[in-house]
Structures are given as C-alpha cells and as structure tokens.
Protein backbone atom coordinates (compact mmCIF):
# COMPACT_ATOMS: atom_id res chain seq x y z
CA LEU A 1 31.37 -21.70 -20.17
CA ILE A 2 32.53 -24.30 -17.64
CA GLN A 3 36.02 -25.89 -17.75
CA GLY A 4 36.51 -24.74 -21.33
CA GLU A 5 33.40 -26.48 -22.66
CA ARG A 6 31.50 -24.72 -25.42
CA ALA A 7 27.99 -23.65 -24.52
CA GLN A 8 25.31 -25.25 -26.67
CA LEU A 9 23.19 -22.20 -27.44
CA ALA A 10 21.13 -21.37 -30.53
CA GLY A 11 21.96 -17.73 -29.95
CA ALA A 12 22.14 -14.83 -27.51
CA ILE A 13 20.06 -11.65 -27.84
CA ARG A 14 21.01 -8.62 -25.78
CA CYS A 15 18.03 -6.42 -24.89
CA GLY A 16 18.34 -3.10 -23.11
CA THR A 17 18.37 0.66 -23.56
CA ARG A 18 20.63 2.93 -25.60
CA GLY A 19 21.26 6.44 -26.80
CA THR A 20 21.12 7.52 -30.42
CA LEU A 21 23.28 9.77 -32.57
CA ALA A 22 20.44 10.04 -35.12
CA GLN A 23 17.36 12.24 -34.99
CA LEU A 24 15.00 9.46 -33.93
CA PRO A 25 12.01 9.72 -31.58
CA LEU A 26 12.75 8.64 -28.02
CA GLY A 27 10.83 5.48 -27.23
CA CYS A 28 11.51 3.70 -30.51
CA VAL A 29 13.44 0.43 -30.63
CA SER A 30 16.70 0.02 -32.51
CA LEU A 31 18.23 -3.13 -33.98
CA SER A 32 21.98 -3.22 -34.55
CA THR A 33 22.73 -4.44 -38.07
CA ALA A 34 26.46 -3.85 -37.46
CA THR A 35 28.42 -3.15 -34.32
CA TYR A 36 31.66 -1.30 -33.62
CA ASN A 37 34.07 -0.55 -30.81
CA GLU A 38 35.63 2.87 -30.25
CA HIS A 39 38.41 2.02 -32.73
CA LEU A 40 35.67 1.33 -35.33
CA ASP A 41 36.51 -2.37 -35.56
CA ARG A 42 33.35 -3.93 -36.96
CA LEU A 43 31.46 -7.12 -36.19
CA ASP A 44 28.25 -8.26 -37.84
CA PRO A 45 25.36 -9.83 -35.92
CA ASP A 46 23.91 -13.17 -36.92
CA ALA A 47 21.86 -12.67 -40.09
CA ALA A 48 19.27 -15.31 -39.19
CA TRP A 49 18.53 -13.69 -35.82
CA ILE A 50 18.31 -10.26 -37.44
CA ASP A 51 15.70 -11.62 -39.86
CA ARG A 52 13.78 -13.24 -37.00
CA LEU A 53 13.76 -9.98 -35.05
CA ARG A 54 12.54 -8.06 -38.09
CA ALA A 55 9.74 -10.60 -38.51
CA ALA A 56 8.94 -10.35 -34.80
CA GLY A 57 8.62 -6.58 -35.16
CA ARG A 58 6.20 -6.96 -38.05
CA SER A 59 4.14 -9.52 -36.15
CA LEU A 60 3.83 -7.06 -33.25
CA GLY A 61 2.64 -4.33 -35.60
CA MET A 62 5.90 -2.39 -35.72
CA THR A 63 7.28 -0.61 -38.78
CA ASN A 64 10.77 -1.72 -39.78
CA VAL A 65 12.94 1.22 -40.79
CA ALA A 66 16.10 0.36 -42.72
CA ASP A 67 19.35 2.15 -41.89
CA ALA A 68 19.15 4.20 -45.09
CA ASP A 69 15.73 5.55 -44.04
CA VAL A 70 16.42 6.29 -40.36
CA ASP A 71 16.96 10.02 -40.91
CA SER A 72 13.51 10.36 -42.47
CA VAL A 73 11.69 9.26 -39.29
CA GLY A 74 12.22 12.47 -37.31
CA ILE A 75 12.11 13.07 -33.57
CA ASN A 76 8.41 13.98 -33.52
CA HIS A 77 6.95 10.71 -34.80
CA PRO A 78 3.46 10.31 -33.29
CA ASP A 79 4.01 6.71 -32.13
CA PRO A 80 7.70 6.02 -31.39
CA THR A 81 7.04 2.59 -29.89
CA SER A 82 5.80 1.40 -33.28
CA ILE A 83 9.24 1.97 -34.87
CA LEU A 84 11.96 -0.69 -35.20
CA ALA A 85 14.93 1.25 -36.58
CA GLU A 86 18.05 -0.44 -37.90
CA GLY A 87 21.67 0.67 -38.11
CA GLY A 88 25.13 0.44 -36.63
CA GLY A 89 25.68 0.36 -32.88
CA LEU A 90 28.81 1.19 -30.91
CA SER A 91 30.13 0.30 -27.47
CA ALA A 92 31.89 3.09 -25.60
CA SER A 93 34.37 2.35 -22.81
CA PHE A 94 32.71 4.76 -20.40
CA PHE A 95 29.21 5.88 -19.51
CA TRP A 96 28.16 9.15 -21.10
CA GLU A 97 26.96 11.64 -18.55
CA GLY A 98 23.27 11.34 -18.00
CA GLN A 99 20.98 8.45 -17.07
CA GLY A 100 22.03 9.08 -13.47
CA ARG A 101 25.63 8.11 -14.25
CA PRO A 102 27.73 11.30 -14.11
CA LEU A 103 31.41 10.89 -14.86
CA TYR A 104 33.34 10.80 -11.59
CA ARG A 105 35.85 13.56 -11.01
CA GLY A 106 38.02 13.80 -7.95
CA HIS A 107 38.68 17.50 -8.51
CA ALA A 108 37.11 20.62 -9.95
CA VAL A 109 37.49 21.13 -13.69
CA GLU A 110 38.55 24.50 -15.03
CA SER A 111 36.38 26.11 -17.69
CA ALA A 112 39.10 25.85 -20.35
CA THR A 113 39.48 22.13 -19.67
CA ALA A 114 35.73 21.61 -19.86
CA ASP A 115 35.62 23.44 -23.21
CA MET A 116 38.41 21.23 -24.57
CA GLU A 117 36.53 18.14 -23.45
CA GLN A 118 33.37 19.35 -25.19
CA ARG A 119 35.24 19.94 -28.45
CA ALA A 120 36.94 16.55 -28.22
CA ARG A 121 33.62 14.87 -27.51
CA ALA A 122 31.93 16.60 -30.45
CA ALA A 123 34.80 15.53 -32.73
CA LYS A 124 34.47 11.93 -31.61
CA LEU A 125 30.71 11.97 -32.12
CA GLY A 126 31.22 13.42 -35.60
CA LEU A 127 33.71 10.67 -36.45
CA TRP A 128 31.27 8.01 -35.35
CA VAL A 129 28.39 9.55 -37.31
CA ARG A 130 30.51 9.68 -40.47
CA ALA A 131 31.30 6.00 -39.92
CA GLY A 132 27.58 5.21 -39.95
CA ILE A 133 27.01 4.77 -36.21
CA ARG A 134 23.40 5.28 -35.16
CA TYR A 135 23.36 4.01 -31.57
CA ILE A 136 25.69 4.07 -28.59
CA GLU A 137 25.73 2.03 -25.41
CA MET A 138 28.11 -0.01 -23.28
CA GLU A 139 27.36 -3.58 -24.36
CA ASP A 140 26.66 -3.71 -28.09
CA TYR A 141 30.09 -4.60 -29.47
CA THR A 142 30.98 -6.55 -26.33
CA VAL A 143 28.12 -9.00 -26.80
CA HIS A 144 29.03 -9.67 -30.43
CA ARG A 145 32.73 -10.00 -29.60
CA ILE A 146 32.00 -12.65 -26.98
CA GLY A 147 29.73 -14.41 -29.48
CA ALA A 148 32.47 -14.36 -32.13
CA LEU A 149 34.99 -15.82 -29.68
CA THR A 150 32.67 -18.58 -28.50
CA GLY A 151 30.87 -19.39 -31.74
CA ILE A 152 27.49 -18.29 -30.38
CA PRO A 153 25.22 -16.38 -32.81
CA THR A 154 24.29 -12.96 -31.40
CA ALA A 155 21.97 -10.02 -31.96
CA THR A 156 21.43 -6.81 -30.00
CA LEU A 157 18.55 -4.38 -29.79
CA GLY A 158 17.50 -1.67 -27.39
CA ALA A 159 14.93 0.94 -26.52
CA VAL A 160 16.17 4.40 -27.52
CA ILE A 161 15.82 6.61 -24.45
CA ALA A 162 18.32 9.41 -25.06
CA HIS A 163 19.75 11.60 -27.79
CA ARG A 164 23.51 11.96 -27.64
CA ARG A 165 24.14 14.44 -30.49
CA ARG A 166 22.38 17.59 -31.62
CA PRO A 167 22.05 18.40 -35.33
CA ASP A 168 24.89 20.95 -34.94
CA GLY A 169 27.22 18.15 -33.78
CA THR A 170 27.44 19.05 -30.10
CA PHE A 171 26.98 16.53 -27.30
CA GLN A 172 23.42 16.28 -26.03
CA LEU A 173 21.86 15.06 -22.80
CA ASP A 174 18.13 14.39 -22.85
CA TYR A 175 17.56 11.08 -21.12
CA SER A 176 13.81 10.47 -20.98
CA LYS A 177 12.22 8.56 -18.11
CA ASP A 178 8.95 8.64 -20.05
CA ALA A 179 10.55 6.90 -23.03
CA LEU A 180 12.12 4.39 -20.64
CA SER A 181 8.78 3.55 -19.04
CA ARG A 182 7.04 3.20 -22.43
CA SER A 183 9.62 1.20 -24.32
CA GLU A 184 12.06 -0.53 -21.97
CA LEU A 185 10.41 -3.95 -22.25
CA ILE A 186 9.67 -3.88 -25.99
CA PRO A 187 13.10 -5.29 -26.98
CA ALA A 188 12.51 -8.26 -24.68
CA ARG A 189 9.07 -8.83 -26.23
CA LEU A 190 10.67 -8.82 -29.68
CA ALA A 191 13.37 -11.25 -28.58
CA LEU A 192 10.87 -13.64 -27.00
CA ARG A 193 8.71 -13.54 -30.14
CA ALA A 194 11.74 -14.19 -32.35
CA ILE A 195 12.74 -17.15 -30.16
CA ALA A 196 9.21 -18.59 -30.10
CA ASP A 197 8.74 -18.20 -33.86
CA GLY A 198 12.08 -19.88 -34.54
CA ALA A 199 11.50 -22.82 -32.23
C-alpha cells in the first residue's frame, strides 16, 4: 500500500512450508480452511480461492482430503505428494526448535526448567489440537489478518515438512529435508494453477 491507497488485487496466496500436529505423511500439502493465532482468534480464508485451490489440486492429480478425514491418511502413505489435506492452521509467535532455527538462550537451562518447558509446550499443543488445529507455522494467521484489514481475499497453503506432536501429546522434532526437496514447490504450482484457471 502506498500513501494509504488500497491495493487492487484479486487475492493473495501464501505458499511455503509448515509443521503438522496431525499424523500426516511428511511431503503432503496442506490447505488452511481456517486460521488462528495463539489466542485462538479465528479468521476464515476466502471461500472462492479455497475452491480454486481444491480444483487446482484435482487437476494436478492430487487427492483432496477434508479436515474430518485427515486422521485417516496416516504417516506412511505411499505417495505423500499426492495428498492435499485441509484443516485449521495456526501462527505461533516464535519459531519452534528445528528447521535450523533453535531458540536462542543466553544462558544454560537447568533440567527442572527444561522439564517445565516441555510440560507447558505439551499442554499448549494439546489445547491447539482440541481446538481443531492441524498445522502450525509463522505466517498463516498473519496473512489472513492483513487481508482482512486491507480487504484483500487470501488463502494459505504449505508443504508439510515436520511433525510437531507425537500421538502421546509430547513435542516432536522431525524436520525432513527429503520432504522439503520433494514438496516445497508444490504449493506454488497449485497457486499458479488456481490463478491461471480463474483468469
């Protein structure tokens, strides 16, 4: 935006990578059908762009998996890059450890403090799962919030390259460079197809 003028855009699609709180195969692509911040304030993406992205997935031979069916996919799916999984995304205010982004600490952490942090983290993850959150990253809610403030329709999707929660509820780190190399560009392909088909 320049000098307060409103941008004349048909929409904005954020493509990138993300972690998942569900038991999905790394390398699949996820489409946020709702988005939340850490306080669980909710925003909804633009319905027309969501439909276009679903159609783009089908045209590229992908299988659309509705939020209600995400848990049935499993982490051992034979072809993760063929999956377009839907569900709620969340923006966290800090990077989770992993992906080469360890949390900075200026001092050593005692074992008791580390244990408390693990319990607090597991509790937060559990809260988010109960609220229906499937995916976590930095930008999801932020993109939709900017769109809501500016009147620009938005959608977000990302390649799933890390699990962030084990079935027992504990925090998990399993960032996959292989999943990144296989799927990082698929969200952009979907976005470009959705734009081209809607032109």
